[in-house]
Amino acid sequence: MNLIGKPTIHPLLFYTGKLSGYFTWVALLLGYCNVHVVKTTDLLWNRYIDIALMLTGLILIVVSSFSLGKSTRLGLPSEGTVMKTGGLYRLSRNPMYVGFNLITIASVVYFYNLIILALGIYSILVYHLIILGEEKFLENRFGQEYLDYKRKVKRYWW
C-alpha cells in the first residue's frame, strides 16, 4: 500500500496547508506539556473547551482510520480502492477531516493567539479545497454509487 498519494490541489497549497495544521497540533501538544512555542493567554474557559475539542477530534480521527483501513493515505490513491461508507462515514463523508479541523480549532482556542489563528484558518481552508478535489476524484472513480452516497450523507455534519 502506498501511503503517499497524489495531491488533490496544487502541491504547494496541499503541503503548506497540512503543515500549517500540523504546526498548530504540535504547538498544542507542547502547550499541554507547558512548552509554549507561541504566546498564549491564560483564560480558564478555553482550557475546558480546547480539551473537549481535541479529544473529540482525536476520537474522530482514530475511529475514521479504522473505518478506512488500508484506504487511508495522504492524497489520492493510484491503485484501485473500494468506496468506504460504513462506520462514521454513514454520518459524514469526511469525519477524519472534521477531526483534523477540531484539533486545529482546539489549538486556536488554547492559544488565543493571532499566529495560531492564521495558521489554523489557512489549514482549514486548504483542507476544504482538498475535500472538494477528493469529491471530484470519487465521482470519477465510483460514478453513480458515489453520487447516491453524496446525496444521502453530508460533507461534514452540517
Protein backbone atom coordinates (compact mmCIF):
# COMPACT_ATOMS: atom_id res chain seq x y z
CA MET A 1 0.00 0.00 0.00
CA ASN A 2 1.31 3.43 -0.96
CA LEU A 3 0.65 5.87 1.93
CA ILE A 4 1.51 8.95 -0.14
CA GLY A 5 -0.88 9.63 -2.99
CA LYS A 6 -1.34 12.42 -5.50
CA PRO A 7 -2.43 15.79 -4.02
CA THR A 8 -5.95 16.87 -4.99
CA ILE A 9 -4.89 20.51 -5.29
CA HIS A 10 -1.67 22.35 -6.16
CA PRO A 11 1.11 20.64 -4.17
CA LEU A 12 2.28 23.93 -2.61
CA LEU A 13 -1.19 24.58 -1.17
CA PHE A 14 -1.64 20.92 -0.26
CA TYR A 15 1.57 20.60 1.75
CA THR A 16 1.65 24.11 3.26
CA GLY A 17 -1.97 23.70 4.39
CA LYS A 18 -1.24 20.38 6.01
CA LEU A 19 1.99 21.65 7.60
CA SER A 20 0.15 24.70 8.98
CA GLY A 21 -2.37 22.43 10.65
CA TYR A 22 0.35 20.08 11.91
CA PHE A 23 2.20 23.04 13.41
CA THR A 24 -0.90 24.02 15.38
CA TRP A 25 -1.24 20.43 16.61
CA VAL A 26 2.39 20.20 17.70
CA ALA A 27 2.12 23.58 19.38
CA LEU A 28 -0.98 22.34 21.24
CA LEU A 29 0.77 19.16 22.35
CA LEU A 30 3.79 21.16 23.53
CA GLY A 31 1.45 23.62 25.27
CA TYR A 32 -0.10 20.74 27.18
CA CYS A 33 3.46 19.90 28.28
CA ASN A 34 3.98 23.54 29.41
CA VAL A 35 6.29 24.33 26.47
CA HIS A 36 4.84 27.32 24.65
CA VAL A 37 6.17 27.92 21.15
CA VAL A 38 3.90 30.96 20.75
CA LYS A 39 2.43 33.35 23.26
CA THR A 40 -0.68 32.06 24.97
CA THR A 41 -3.39 33.63 27.08
CA ASP A 42 -4.30 32.03 30.38
CA LEU A 43 -8.07 32.02 30.28
CA LEU A 44 -9.94 29.42 32.31
CA TRP A 45 -12.79 28.97 29.82
CA ASN A 46 -10.57 28.00 26.93
CA ARG A 47 -8.83 25.15 28.80
CA TYR A 48 -12.02 23.09 29.07
CA ILE A 49 -13.18 23.88 25.55
CA ASP A 50 -9.85 23.06 23.90
CA ILE A 51 -9.58 19.72 25.71
CA ALA A 52 -13.12 18.76 24.66
CA LEU A 53 -12.42 19.76 21.04
CA MET A 54 -9.06 18.00 20.96
CA LEU A 55 -10.39 14.74 22.44
CA THR A 56 -13.41 14.74 20.13
CA GLY A 57 -11.14 15.37 17.14
CA LEU A 58 -8.75 12.64 18.19
CA ILE A 59 -11.59 10.14 18.60
CA LEU A 60 -12.98 11.02 15.15
CA ILE A 61 -9.56 10.56 13.54
CA VAL A 62 -8.91 7.19 15.19
CA VAL A 63 -12.38 5.78 14.52
CA SER A 64 -12.31 7.09 10.92
CA SER A 65 -8.90 5.50 10.37
CA PHE A 66 -10.30 2.12 11.42
CA SER A 67 -13.25 2.56 9.05
CA LEU A 68 -10.94 3.43 6.13
CA GLY A 69 -8.43 0.72 6.95
CA LYS A 70 -5.87 0.30 4.18
CA SER A 71 -7.54 3.04 2.14
CA THR A 72 -6.05 5.71 4.45
CA ARG A 73 -3.38 7.80 2.73
CA LEU A 74 -2.04 11.31 2.25
CA GLY A 75 -3.51 12.31 -1.12
CA LEU A 76 -5.31 10.30 -3.80
CA PRO A 77 -4.64 6.60 -4.30
CA SER A 78 -3.02 5.47 -7.53
CA GLU A 79 -4.16 1.88 -7.08
CA GLY A 80 -7.73 0.58 -7.12
CA THR A 81 -9.75 1.15 -3.96
CA VAL A 82 -13.14 0.26 -2.56
CA MET A 83 -15.58 3.02 -1.58
CA LYS A 84 -15.96 3.13 2.20
CA THR A 85 -19.35 4.19 3.59
CA GLY A 86 -19.51 2.35 6.92
CA GLY A 87 -18.86 3.47 10.46
CA LEU A 88 -18.64 7.23 10.88
CA TYR A 89 -18.79 7.55 7.09
CA ARG A 90 -22.54 6.88 7.37
CA LEU A 91 -22.85 10.20 9.24
CA SER A 92 -20.27 12.33 7.43
CA ARG A 93 -18.36 11.94 4.18
CA ASN A 94 -15.30 13.41 5.91
CA PRO A 95 -15.22 12.54 9.62
CA MET A 96 -11.42 12.35 9.62
CA TYR A 97 -11.16 15.89 8.27
CA VAL A 98 -13.72 17.03 10.85
CA GLY A 99 -11.40 15.54 13.46
CA PHE A 100 -8.37 17.32 11.96
CA ASN A 101 -10.26 20.60 12.00
CA LEU A 102 -11.43 20.13 15.59
CA ILE A 103 -7.84 19.64 16.77
CA THR A 104 -6.80 22.74 14.83
CA ILE A 105 -9.66 24.70 16.41
CA ALA A 106 -8.65 23.31 19.83
CA SER A 107 -5.20 24.81 19.27
CA VAL A 108 -6.72 28.16 18.29
CA VAL A 109 -8.85 28.13 21.45
CA TYR A 110 -5.95 27.03 23.65
CA PHE A 111 -3.54 29.70 22.48
CA TYR A 112 -5.98 32.51 21.70
CA ASN A 113 -3.16 33.85 19.50
CA LEU A 114 -3.23 35.53 16.06
CA ILE A 115 -0.39 33.41 14.64
CA ILE A 116 -2.14 30.15 15.54
CA LEU A 117 -5.46 31.61 14.36
CA ALA A 118 -3.99 32.49 10.95
CA LEU A 119 -2.32 29.09 10.56
CA GLY A 120 -5.50 27.34 11.68
CA ILE A 121 -7.76 29.23 9.27
CA TYR A 122 -5.35 28.60 6.41
CA SER A 123 -5.19 24.89 7.22
CA ILE A 124 -8.97 24.52 7.48
CA LEU A 125 -9.49 26.34 4.17
CA VAL A 126 -6.89 24.17 2.44
CA TYR A 127 -8.50 21.03 3.86
CA HIS A 128 -11.81 22.17 2.39
CA LEU A 129 -10.15 22.57 -1.03
CA ILE A 130 -8.59 19.11 -0.64
CA ILE A 131 -12.03 17.66 0.12
CA LEU A 132 -13.52 19.30 -2.98
CA GLY A 133 -10.75 17.71 -5.06
CA GLU A 134 -11.31 14.33 -3.44
CA GLU A 135 -15.02 14.57 -4.21
CA LYS A 136 -14.26 15.05 -7.93
CA PHE A 137 -11.91 12.08 -7.81
CA LEU A 138 -14.52 9.90 -6.08
CA GLU A 139 -17.22 10.93 -8.58
CA ASN A 140 -14.93 9.90 -11.44
CA ARG A 141 -13.85 6.65 -9.80
CA PHE A 142 -17.18 5.44 -8.39
CA GLY A 143 -19.75 7.30 -10.52
CA GLN A 144 -23.39 6.88 -9.54
CA GLU A 145 -22.53 4.94 -6.39
CA TYR A 146 -20.68 7.99 -5.00
CA LEU A 147 -23.34 10.43 -6.24
CA ASP A 148 -26.01 8.43 -4.37
CA TYR A 149 -23.84 8.39 -1.25
CA LYS A 150 -23.22 12.14 -1.62
CA ARG A 151 -26.98 12.80 -1.72
CA LYS A 152 -27.55 10.79 1.49
CA VAL A 153 -24.58 11.88 3.62
CA LYS A 154 -23.45 15.44 4.34
CA ARG A 155 -19.91 16.59 3.61
CA TYR A 156 -19.23 17.36 7.27
CA TRP A 157 -22.13 17.03 9.70
CA TRP A 158 -23.85 20.27 8.95
